[in-house]
Each structure stands twice: as C-alpha cells, then as structure tokens.
Amino acid sequence: MLLALLVAGPYFGAGAYFVRPSESVADRSAALSLELGYQWKHALASLTALGTIGTGNMNTTLVAVKGAWIITDTPVAPFIGIGVGVFAQSLHCDPVRGCDGFSKSAAGSVAEAGVLLFRHAIASVQLIGPFERVQPAIFPAVEATPIPLLLIGFRVLG
C-alpha cells in the first residue's frame, strides 16, 4: 500500500462546467471546482469541491470523494469514475413558475466519463445527484431533495 502511494503522482486541479438541471424549473448555470488527488497509471482518486456560480435560481455545492479507472495508457486516455459525497442545493422559485423553493442537503453520488488529456487535463461529462429523492405532494413539478445535474466541463491538473 505504501509503495502504491509512493509511485502515485499527487495533483491539484481546477475546473469549469456547464450545468444542466434535470428539472425544467431550475435555470441552467455554470460551476467551478477544486480538486486534490492522486494519479496512477490506470487510476485517479480525488477529493472534489464544486459550486455553481451565476445568476440562476439554483445554487448547488458538492463535496465528494471520487475514483476513476483510466482505460488506456495513451496520451488521450478515456476513463470512467464514480464517487460519493454531500450534495446541498437551494432552489429559489415562485408558484408562478409551477414550483416551490427549497434548501436541502443529502448524501449524493457522482458518475463521470471523459478523457484524460496528456495526464494534465480532463474533459468530461458528470451526473451528480442525491441517493434518494422525495417528491412533495403540493408541488409535484419539483423534487423536495436536490435535483440531479448534468455537468459538461474541463479541468486542468497541475
């Protein structure tokens, strides 16, 4: 185990994403992330903090531990990964839009697929969301737990 950590390459990463919510009452937005991790020949492991930015009606934060399998050892290497963490979200909405705002936290998951570019950058698609979703009876258009998000983005690793 100690030998595996010694041959790993630690990295710090920062990323930017386009965010698309799965529910139509939430606005599209952007997100930024910071990441601290290790990179092996065929694996990545990281601690990631992500937050949405912008003027949309939804704010999201995620802190997650993620792991990924790097499928090939080539300059442009595809990978797939999963993770778990804490997912918090606030939706600011009014009944005219057909929803009621909420602010919730939940255990969440991350699924990711992408390409590792020359071991120094990542282009990926991620799906993040809560483990369990509960729908309120009064406003069925919006979930009472955080809304799953699709993230399309790019991170730089250093």
N, C-alpha and C. Protein backbone atom coordinates (compact mmCIF):
# COMPACT_ATOMS: atom_id res chain seq x y z
N MET A 1 0.82 -1.20 0.00
CA MET A 1 0.00 0.00 0.00
C MET A 1 0.86 1.25 0.00
N LEU A 2 1.87 1.29 0.86
CA LEU A 2 2.76 2.46 0.93
C LEU A 2 3.51 2.63 -0.38
N LEU A 3 3.94 1.52 -0.99
CA LEU A 3 4.63 1.59 -2.27
C LEU A 3 3.73 2.18 -3.35
N ALA A 4 2.45 1.82 -3.34
CA ALA A 4 1.49 2.35 -4.32
C ALA A 4 1.34 3.86 -4.17
N LEU A 5 1.35 4.36 -2.94
CA LEU A 5 1.26 5.80 -2.73
C LEU A 5 2.52 6.52 -3.19
N LEU A 6 3.66 5.87 -3.07
CA LEU A 6 4.91 6.50 -3.49
C LEU A 6 5.01 6.66 -5.00
N VAL A 7 4.45 5.73 -5.77
CA VAL A 7 4.51 5.84 -7.22
C VAL A 7 3.35 6.66 -7.79
N ALA A 8 2.45 7.09 -6.95
CA ALA A 8 1.34 7.92 -7.39
C ALA A 8 1.82 9.35 -7.57
N GLY A 9 1.20 10.05 -8.49
CA GLY A 9 1.52 11.45 -8.70
C GLY A 9 0.43 12.33 -8.11
N PRO A 10 0.71 13.06 -7.02
CA PRO A 10 -0.31 13.96 -6.47
C PRO A 10 -0.58 15.11 -7.44
N TYR A 11 -1.80 15.62 -7.41
CA TYR A 11 -2.13 16.77 -8.27
C TYR A 11 -3.15 17.66 -7.59
N PHE A 12 -3.19 18.90 -8.06
CA PHE A 12 -4.22 19.87 -7.70
C PHE A 12 -4.90 20.24 -8.99
N GLY A 13 -6.22 20.29 -8.99
CA GLY A 13 -6.94 20.60 -10.21
C GLY A 13 -8.00 21.67 -10.00
N ALA A 14 -8.35 22.35 -11.09
CA ALA A 14 -9.42 23.34 -11.09
C ALA A 14 -10.20 23.17 -12.38
N GLY A 15 -11.52 23.32 -12.28
CA GLY A 15 -12.35 23.09 -13.46
C GLY A 15 -13.50 24.05 -13.59
N ALA A 16 -14.06 24.09 -14.79
CA ALA A 16 -15.24 24.90 -15.10
C ALA A 16 -16.22 24.02 -15.86
N TYR A 17 -17.52 24.22 -15.58
CA TYR A 17 -18.55 23.34 -16.13
C TYR A 17 -19.78 24.13 -16.57
N PHE A 18 -20.46 23.59 -17.57
CA PHE A 18 -21.81 23.98 -17.94
C PHE A 18 -22.73 23.06 -17.15
N VAL A 19 -23.74 23.62 -16.48
CA VAL A 19 -24.63 22.83 -15.61
C VAL A 19 -26.04 22.82 -16.19
N ARG A 20 -26.57 21.62 -16.38
CA ARG A 20 -27.95 21.47 -16.86
C ARG A 20 -28.73 20.66 -15.84
N PRO A 21 -29.71 21.29 -15.16
CA PRO A 21 -30.55 20.56 -14.19
C PRO A 21 -31.51 19.60 -14.90
N SER A 22 -31.92 18.54 -14.20
CA SER A 22 -32.86 17.59 -14.78
C SER A 22 -34.30 18.08 -14.70
N GLU A 23 -34.58 19.11 -13.92
CA GLU A 23 -35.93 19.67 -13.79
C GLU A 23 -36.01 21.01 -14.51
N SER A 24 -37.10 21.26 -15.24
CA SER A 24 -37.21 22.47 -16.05
C SER A 24 -37.40 23.74 -15.23
N VAL A 25 -37.77 23.64 -13.96
CA VAL A 25 -37.97 24.84 -13.15
C VAL A 25 -36.65 25.46 -12.68
N ALA A 26 -35.56 24.71 -12.80
CA ALA A 26 -34.25 25.21 -12.40
C ALA A 26 -33.51 25.74 -13.63
N ASP A 27 -32.85 26.89 -13.47
CA ASP A 27 -32.12 27.51 -14.57
C ASP A 27 -30.79 26.80 -14.82
N ARG A 28 -30.36 26.83 -16.07
CA ARG A 28 -29.01 26.37 -16.40
C ARG A 28 -28.03 27.37 -15.82
N SER A 29 -26.83 26.89 -15.49
CA SER A 29 -25.83 27.78 -14.90
C SER A 29 -24.44 27.26 -15.20
N ALA A 30 -23.47 27.76 -14.46
CA ALA A 30 -22.08 27.33 -14.57
C ALA A 30 -21.61 26.91 -13.20
N ALA A 31 -20.51 26.15 -13.16
CA ALA A 31 -19.94 25.71 -11.89
C ALA A 31 -18.43 25.74 -11.98
N LEU A 32 -17.80 25.89 -10.81
CA LEU A 32 -16.35 25.81 -10.68
C LEU A 32 -16.01 24.72 -9.68
N SER A 33 -14.86 24.08 -9.85
CA SER A 33 -14.45 23.04 -8.92
C SER A 33 -12.97 23.15 -8.59
N LEU A 34 -12.64 22.66 -7.40
CA LEU A 34 -11.25 22.49 -6.97
C LEU A 34 -11.09 21.03 -6.59
N GLU A 35 -9.93 20.47 -6.86
CA GLU A 35 -9.74 19.04 -6.67
C GLU A 35 -8.32 18.77 -6.18
N LEU A 36 -8.19 17.87 -5.24
CA LEU A 36 -6.90 17.42 -4.74
C LEU A 36 -6.89 15.91 -4.88
N GLY A 37 -5.88 15.35 -5.58
CA GLY A 37 -5.93 13.93 -5.80
C GLY A 37 -4.60 13.29 -6.11
N TYR A 38 -4.69 11.99 -6.44
CA TYR A 38 -3.54 11.19 -6.84
C TYR A 38 -3.84 10.58 -8.19
N GLN A 39 -2.80 10.45 -9.01
CA GLN A 39 -2.94 9.86 -10.33
C GLN A 39 -1.93 8.71 -10.46
N TRP A 40 -2.45 7.52 -10.76
CA TRP A 40 -1.63 6.36 -11.04
C TRP A 40 -1.70 6.08 -12.53
N LYS A 41 -1.02 5.04 -12.99
CA LYS A 41 -1.01 4.70 -14.42
C LYS A 41 -2.42 4.43 -14.94
N HIS A 42 -3.23 3.72 -14.15
CA HIS A 42 -4.58 3.36 -14.61
C HIS A 42 -5.68 3.76 -13.62
N ALA A 43 -5.42 4.75 -12.77
CA ALA A 43 -6.45 5.15 -11.81
C ALA A 43 -6.25 6.60 -11.36
N LEU A 44 -7.36 7.19 -10.94
CA LEU A 44 -7.38 8.52 -10.32
C LEU A 44 -8.17 8.40 -9.02
N ALA A 45 -7.76 9.13 -8.00
CA ALA A 45 -8.52 9.24 -6.75
C ALA A 45 -8.45 10.70 -6.32
N SER A 46 -9.59 11.26 -5.91
CA SER A 46 -9.58 12.69 -5.58
C SER A 46 -10.64 13.07 -4.57
N LEU A 47 -10.41 14.23 -3.97
CA LEU A 47 -11.39 14.92 -3.13
C LEU A 47 -11.76 16.17 -3.91
N THR A 48 -13.04 16.35 -4.20
CA THR A 48 -13.50 17.43 -5.05
C THR A 48 -14.50 18.31 -4.32
N ALA A 49 -14.38 19.62 -4.50
CA ALA A 49 -15.37 20.59 -4.02
C ALA A 49 -15.87 21.35 -5.24
N LEU A 50 -17.19 21.41 -5.41
CA LEU A 50 -17.79 22.04 -6.58
C LEU A 50 -18.91 22.97 -6.14
N GLY A 51 -19.05 24.10 -6.82
CA GLY A 51 -20.14 25.03 -6.53
C GLY A 51 -20.60 25.73 -7.78
N THR A 52 -21.92 25.97 -7.87
CA THR A 52 -22.45 26.70 -9.02
C THR A 52 -22.22 28.19 -8.83
N ILE A 53 -22.14 28.89 -9.94
CA ILE A 53 -21.97 30.34 -9.94
C ILE A 53 -22.97 30.93 -10.92
N GLY A 54 -23.19 32.21 -10.87
CA GLY A 54 -24.06 32.86 -11.84
C GLY A 54 -25.34 33.38 -11.24
N THR A 55 -26.25 33.75 -12.11
CA THR A 55 -27.48 34.41 -11.70
C THR A 55 -28.70 33.51 -11.77
N GLY A 56 -28.52 32.23 -11.90
CA GLY A 56 -29.65 31.31 -11.98
C GLY A 56 -30.40 31.23 -10.66
N ASN A 57 -31.53 30.52 -10.67
CA ASN A 57 -32.36 30.40 -9.47
C ASN A 57 -31.99 29.21 -8.60
N MET A 58 -30.86 28.54 -8.90
CA MET A 58 -30.46 27.38 -8.14
C MET A 58 -28.98 27.48 -7.76
N ASN A 59 -28.68 27.22 -6.48
CA ASN A 59 -27.30 27.16 -6.00
C ASN A 59 -27.03 25.74 -5.56
N THR A 60 -25.90 25.19 -5.98
CA THR A 60 -25.55 23.81 -5.65
C THR A 60 -24.11 23.75 -5.17
N THR A 61 -23.86 22.95 -4.14
CA THR A 61 -22.50 22.64 -3.72
C THR A 61 -22.38 21.13 -3.58
N LEU A 62 -21.19 20.63 -3.83
CA LEU A 62 -20.91 19.21 -3.71
C LEU A 62 -19.49 19.05 -3.19
N VAL A 63 -19.34 18.22 -2.17
CA VAL A 63 -18.02 17.79 -1.71
C VAL A 63 -18.04 16.27 -1.81
N ALA A 64 -17.11 15.73 -2.62
CA ALA A 64 -17.16 14.28 -2.90
C ALA A 64 -15.77 13.67 -2.96
N VAL A 65 -15.73 12.39 -2.65
CA VAL A 65 -14.55 11.56 -2.85
C VAL A 65 -14.83 10.75 -4.11
N LYS A 66 -13.91 10.83 -5.08
CA LYS A 66 -14.14 10.16 -6.36
C LYS A 66 -12.97 9.25 -6.71
N GLY A 67 -13.29 8.23 -7.47
CA GLY A 67 -12.28 7.33 -8.02
C GLY A 67 -12.59 7.07 -9.47
N ALA A 68 -11.55 6.85 -10.28
CA ALA A 68 -11.76 6.60 -11.71
C ALA A 68 -10.76 5.57 -12.20
N TRP A 69 -11.18 4.81 -13.21
CA TRP A 69 -10.32 3.85 -13.88
C TRP A 69 -9.94 4.44 -15.23
N ILE A 70 -8.63 4.58 -15.47
CA ILE A 70 -8.12 5.07 -16.76
C ILE A 70 -7.98 3.83 -17.65
N ILE A 71 -8.75 3.79 -18.71
CA ILE A 71 -8.90 2.58 -19.51
C ILE A 71 -7.63 2.25 -20.31
N THR A 72 -6.98 3.26 -20.88
CA THR A 72 -5.77 3.01 -21.66
C THR A 72 -4.63 3.89 -21.16
N ASP A 73 -3.41 3.49 -21.46
CA ASP A 73 -2.23 4.27 -21.10
C ASP A 73 -1.71 4.97 -22.36
N THR A 74 -2.50 5.94 -22.84
CA THR A 74 -2.17 6.69 -24.05
C THR A 74 -2.25 8.18 -23.73
N PRO A 75 -1.72 9.04 -24.61
CA PRO A 75 -1.78 10.49 -24.33
C PRO A 75 -3.21 11.02 -24.17
N VAL A 76 -4.15 10.48 -24.92
CA VAL A 76 -5.57 10.82 -24.76
C VAL A 76 -6.26 9.54 -24.28
N ALA A 77 -6.46 9.47 -22.96
CA ALA A 77 -6.91 8.23 -22.33
C ALA A 77 -8.35 8.36 -21.82
N PRO A 78 -9.26 7.53 -22.30
CA PRO A 78 -10.63 7.55 -21.77
C PRO A 78 -10.66 6.98 -20.35
N PHE A 79 -11.63 7.46 -19.55
CA PHE A 79 -11.79 6.96 -18.19
C PHE A 79 -13.25 6.98 -17.79
N ILE A 80 -13.57 6.19 -16.78
CA ILE A 80 -14.89 6.21 -16.15
C ILE A 80 -14.68 6.24 -14.65
N GLY A 81 -15.57 6.92 -13.93
CA GLY A 81 -15.40 7.03 -12.50
C GLY A 81 -16.71 7.19 -11.76
N ILE A 82 -16.62 6.98 -10.45
CA ILE A 82 -17.77 7.16 -9.56
C ILE A 82 -17.29 7.84 -8.28
N GLY A 83 -18.24 8.37 -7.52
CA GLY A 83 -17.90 8.99 -6.25
C GLY A 83 -19.11 9.14 -5.36
N VAL A 84 -18.84 9.47 -4.11
CA VAL A 84 -19.90 9.73 -3.13
C VAL A 84 -19.54 10.98 -2.35
N GLY A 85 -20.58 11.66 -1.84
CA GLY A 85 -20.31 12.86 -1.07
C GLY A 85 -21.55 13.50 -0.51
N VAL A 86 -21.42 14.76 -0.13
CA VAL A 86 -22.53 15.55 0.41
C VAL A 86 -22.94 16.55 -0.67
N PHE A 87 -24.23 16.56 -0.95
CA PHE A 87 -24.82 17.34 -2.03
C PHE A 87 -25.82 18.30 -1.41
N ALA A 88 -25.62 19.61 -1.56
CA ALA A 88 -26.54 20.61 -1.00
C ALA A 88 -27.04 21.51 -2.12
N GLN A 89 -28.31 21.90 -2.01
CA GLN A 89 -28.90 22.69 -3.07
C GLN A 89 -29.99 23.60 -2.54
N SER A 90 -30.07 24.81 -3.11
CA SER A 90 -31.17 25.74 -2.83
C SER A 90 -31.80 26.13 -4.16
N LEU A 91 -33.11 26.04 -4.21
CA LEU A 91 -33.85 26.47 -5.39
C LEU A 91 -34.73 27.64 -4.98
N HIS A 92 -34.56 28.76 -5.65
CA HIS A 92 -35.35 29.97 -5.39
C HIS A 92 -36.37 30.08 -6.51
N CYS A 93 -37.63 29.90 -6.16
CA CYS A 93 -38.67 29.79 -7.17
C CYS A 93 -39.97 30.36 -6.61
N ASP A 94 -40.89 30.69 -7.49
CA ASP A 94 -42.20 31.15 -7.04
C ASP A 94 -43.28 30.28 -7.68
N PRO A 95 -44.48 30.29 -7.10
CA PRO A 95 -45.56 29.45 -7.63
C PRO A 95 -45.94 29.74 -9.07
N VAL A 96 -45.64 30.94 -9.58
CA VAL A 96 -45.94 31.27 -10.97
C VAL A 96 -45.17 30.35 -11.91
N ARG A 97 -43.96 29.96 -11.52
CA ARG A 97 -43.16 29.04 -12.33
C ARG A 97 -43.59 27.60 -12.12
N GLY A 98 -44.54 27.35 -11.25
CA GLY A 98 -45.02 26.00 -11.02
C GLY A 98 -44.21 25.22 -10.02
N CYS A 99 -43.58 25.93 -9.09
CA CYS A 99 -42.76 25.22 -8.12
C CYS A 99 -42.69 26.00 -6.81
N ASP A 100 -42.13 25.36 -5.83
CA ASP A 100 -41.90 25.97 -4.53
C ASP A 100 -40.41 25.80 -4.24
N GLY A 101 -39.77 26.86 -3.77
CA GLY A 101 -38.35 26.79 -3.49
C GLY A 101 -38.03 25.87 -2.33
N PHE A 102 -36.79 25.43 -2.26
CA PHE A 102 -36.35 24.58 -1.17
C PHE A 102 -34.87 24.77 -0.94
N SER A 103 -34.40 24.31 0.21
CA SER A 103 -32.98 24.27 0.53
C SER A 103 -32.74 22.96 1.27
N LYS A 104 -32.00 22.06 0.65
CA LYS A 104 -31.82 20.71 1.20
C LYS A 104 -30.38 20.24 1.04
N SER A 105 -30.00 19.32 1.90
CA SER A 105 -28.73 18.61 1.81
C SER A 105 -29.03 17.12 1.82
N ALA A 106 -28.19 16.36 1.14
CA ALA A 106 -28.38 14.91 1.09
C ALA A 106 -27.08 14.24 0.71
N ALA A 107 -26.98 12.97 1.04
CA ALA A 107 -25.86 12.17 0.53
C ALA A 107 -26.06 12.04 -0.97
N GLY A 108 -24.98 12.14 -1.70
CA GLY A 108 -25.11 12.11 -3.15
C GLY A 108 -24.06 11.26 -3.82
N SER A 109 -24.23 11.09 -5.11
CA SER A 109 -23.30 10.29 -5.90
C SER A 109 -22.88 11.05 -7.15
N VAL A 110 -21.77 10.62 -7.71
CA VAL A 110 -21.22 11.20 -8.93
C VAL A 110 -20.89 10.06 -9.87
N ALA A 111 -21.28 10.18 -11.13
CA ALA A 111 -20.85 9.26 -12.18
C ALA A 111 -20.19 10.11 -13.25
N GLU A 112 -19.03 9.68 -13.74
CA GLU A 112 -18.27 10.51 -14.67
C GLU A 112 -17.68 9.66 -15.79
N ALA A 113 -17.65 10.22 -16.99
CA ALA A 113 -16.97 9.62 -18.14
C ALA A 113 -16.27 10.75 -18.88
N GLY A 114 -15.05 10.47 -19.33
CA GLY A 114 -14.32 11.52 -20.03
C GLY A 114 -13.01 11.03 -20.58
N VAL A 115 -12.16 12.00 -20.93
CA VAL A 115 -10.83 11.69 -21.43
C VAL A 115 -9.81 12.49 -20.63
N LEU A 116 -8.71 11.81 -20.30
CA LEU A 116 -7.56 12.42 -19.65
C LEU A 116 -6.61 12.83 -20.76
N LEU A 117 -6.31 14.11 -20.85
CA LEU A 117 -5.51 14.64 -21.94
C LEU A 117 -4.08 14.88 -21.49
N PHE A 118 -3.16 14.06 -21.98
CA PHE A 118 -1.73 14.19 -21.69
C PHE A 118 -1.42 14.22 -20.19
N ARG A 119 -2.28 13.59 -19.40
CA ARG A 119 -2.13 13.49 -17.94
C ARG A 119 -2.20 14.84 -17.23
N HIS A 120 -2.60 15.91 -17.94
CA HIS A 120 -2.64 17.24 -17.33
C HIS A 120 -3.98 17.97 -17.48
N ALA A 121 -4.94 17.36 -18.12
CA ALA A 121 -6.26 17.99 -18.28
C ALA A 121 -7.31 16.89 -18.44
N ILE A 122 -8.54 17.24 -18.12
CA ILE A 122 -9.67 16.30 -18.23
C ILE A 122 -10.85 17.01 -18.88
N ALA A 123 -11.42 16.39 -19.90
CA ALA A 123 -12.70 16.81 -20.47
C ALA A 123 -13.69 15.71 -20.11
N SER A 124 -14.81 16.09 -19.49
CA SER A 124 -15.71 15.04 -19.00
C SER A 124 -17.16 15.47 -18.95
N VAL A 125 -18.00 14.47 -18.78
CA VAL A 125 -19.43 14.63 -18.52
C VAL A 125 -19.69 13.94 -17.18
N GLN A 126 -20.37 14.65 -16.27
CA GLN A 126 -20.67 14.09 -14.95
C GLN A 126 -22.17 14.19 -14.69
N LEU A 127 -22.69 13.21 -13.99
CA LEU A 127 -24.06 13.25 -13.50
C LEU A 127 -23.97 13.21 -11.98
N ILE A 128 -24.48 14.25 -11.31
CA ILE A 128 -24.46 14.26 -9.85
C ILE A 128 -25.90 14.35 -9.35
N GLY A 129 -26.15 13.70 -8.22
CA GLY A 129 -27.49 13.72 -7.67
C GLY A 129 -27.56 13.06 -6.32
N PRO A 130 -28.69 13.22 -5.64
CA PRO A 130 -28.87 12.60 -4.32
C PRO A 130 -29.13 11.10 -4.45
N PHE A 131 -28.80 10.35 -3.40
CA PHE A 131 -29.10 8.92 -3.40
C PHE A 131 -30.59 8.66 -3.40
N GLU A 132 -31.34 9.47 -2.66
CA GLU A 132 -32.78 9.26 -2.51
C GLU A 132 -33.51 10.54 -2.85
N ARG A 133 -34.61 10.43 -3.59
CA ARG A 133 -35.40 11.61 -3.95
C ARG A 133 -36.80 11.46 -3.37
N VAL A 134 -37.31 12.57 -2.79
CA VAL A 134 -38.64 12.60 -2.19
C VAL A 134 -39.42 13.72 -2.85
N GLN A 135 -40.59 13.41 -3.38
CA GLN A 135 -41.39 14.40 -4.07
C GLN A 135 -42.50 14.93 -3.16
N PRO A 136 -42.63 16.26 -3.03
CA PRO A 136 -43.70 16.81 -2.21
C PRO A 136 -45.06 16.66 -2.90
N ALA A 137 -46.12 16.62 -2.11
CA ALA A 137 -47.47 16.44 -2.65
C ALA A 137 -48.03 17.72 -3.27
N ILE A 138 -47.66 18.88 -2.74
CA ILE A 138 -48.26 20.13 -3.20
C ILE A 138 -47.71 20.59 -4.54
N PHE A 139 -46.40 20.49 -4.73
CA PHE A 139 -45.77 20.95 -5.97
C PHE A 139 -45.05 19.77 -6.63
N PRO A 140 -45.75 18.93 -7.35
CA PRO A 140 -45.13 17.73 -7.91
C PRO A 140 -44.10 18.00 -9.00
N ALA A 141 -44.01 19.24 -9.52
CA ALA A 141 -43.04 19.53 -10.58
C ALA A 141 -41.61 19.60 -10.05
N VAL A 142 -41.44 19.76 -8.75
CA VAL A 142 -40.09 19.91 -8.19
C VAL A 142 -39.88 18.89 -7.09
N GLU A 143 -38.72 18.29 -7.07
CA GLU A 143 -38.38 17.33 -6.04
C GLU A 143 -38.01 18.06 -4.75
N ALA A 144 -38.33 17.48 -3.61
CA ALA A 144 -38.03 18.09 -2.32
C ALA A 144 -36.58 17.86 -1.92
N THR A 145 -35.89 16.95 -2.58
CA THR A 145 -34.46 16.75 -2.35
C THR A 145 -33.71 17.36 -3.53
N PRO A 146 -32.40 17.50 -3.44
CA PRO A 146 -31.66 18.15 -4.54
C PRO A 146 -31.95 17.52 -5.90
N ILE A 147 -31.94 18.37 -6.90
CA ILE A 147 -32.23 17.99 -8.28
C ILE A 147 -30.95 17.47 -8.93
N PRO A 148 -30.99 16.32 -9.59
CA PRO A 148 -29.81 15.83 -10.31
C PRO A 148 -29.35 16.82 -11.38
N LEU A 149 -28.04 16.87 -11.59
CA LEU A 149 -27.46 17.80 -12.55
C LEU A 149 -26.55 17.06 -13.52
N LEU A 150 -26.54 17.53 -14.76
CA LEU A 150 -25.60 17.06 -15.76
C LEU A 150 -24.54 18.15 -15.90
N LEU A 151 -23.27 17.79 -15.74
CA LEU A 151 -22.16 18.74 -15.85
C LEU A 151 -21.31 18.37 -17.05
N ILE A 152 -21.02 19.35 -17.89
CA ILE A 152 -20.12 19.16 -19.02
C ILE A 152 -19.00 20.16 -18.84
N GLY A 153 -17.75 19.66 -18.73
CA GLY A 153 -16.71 20.60 -18.41
C GLY A 153 -15.30 20.15 -18.69
N PHE A 154 -14.39 20.98 -18.20
CA PHE A 154 -12.96 20.82 -18.44
C PHE A 154 -12.21 21.17 -17.16
N ARG A 155 -11.25 20.33 -16.77
CA ARG A 155 -10.41 20.62 -15.61
C ARG A 155 -8.94 20.55 -16.01
N VAL A 156 -8.15 21.37 -15.36
CA VAL A 156 -6.70 21.39 -15.56
C VAL A 156 -6.07 20.83 -14.29
N LEU A 157 -5.13 19.90 -14.47
CA LEU A 157 -4.44 19.27 -13.35
C LEU A 157 -2.99 19.75 -13.32
N GLY A 158 -2.52 20.06 -12.13
CA GLY A 158 -1.14 20.53 -12.02
C GLY A 158 -0.40 19.88 -10.89
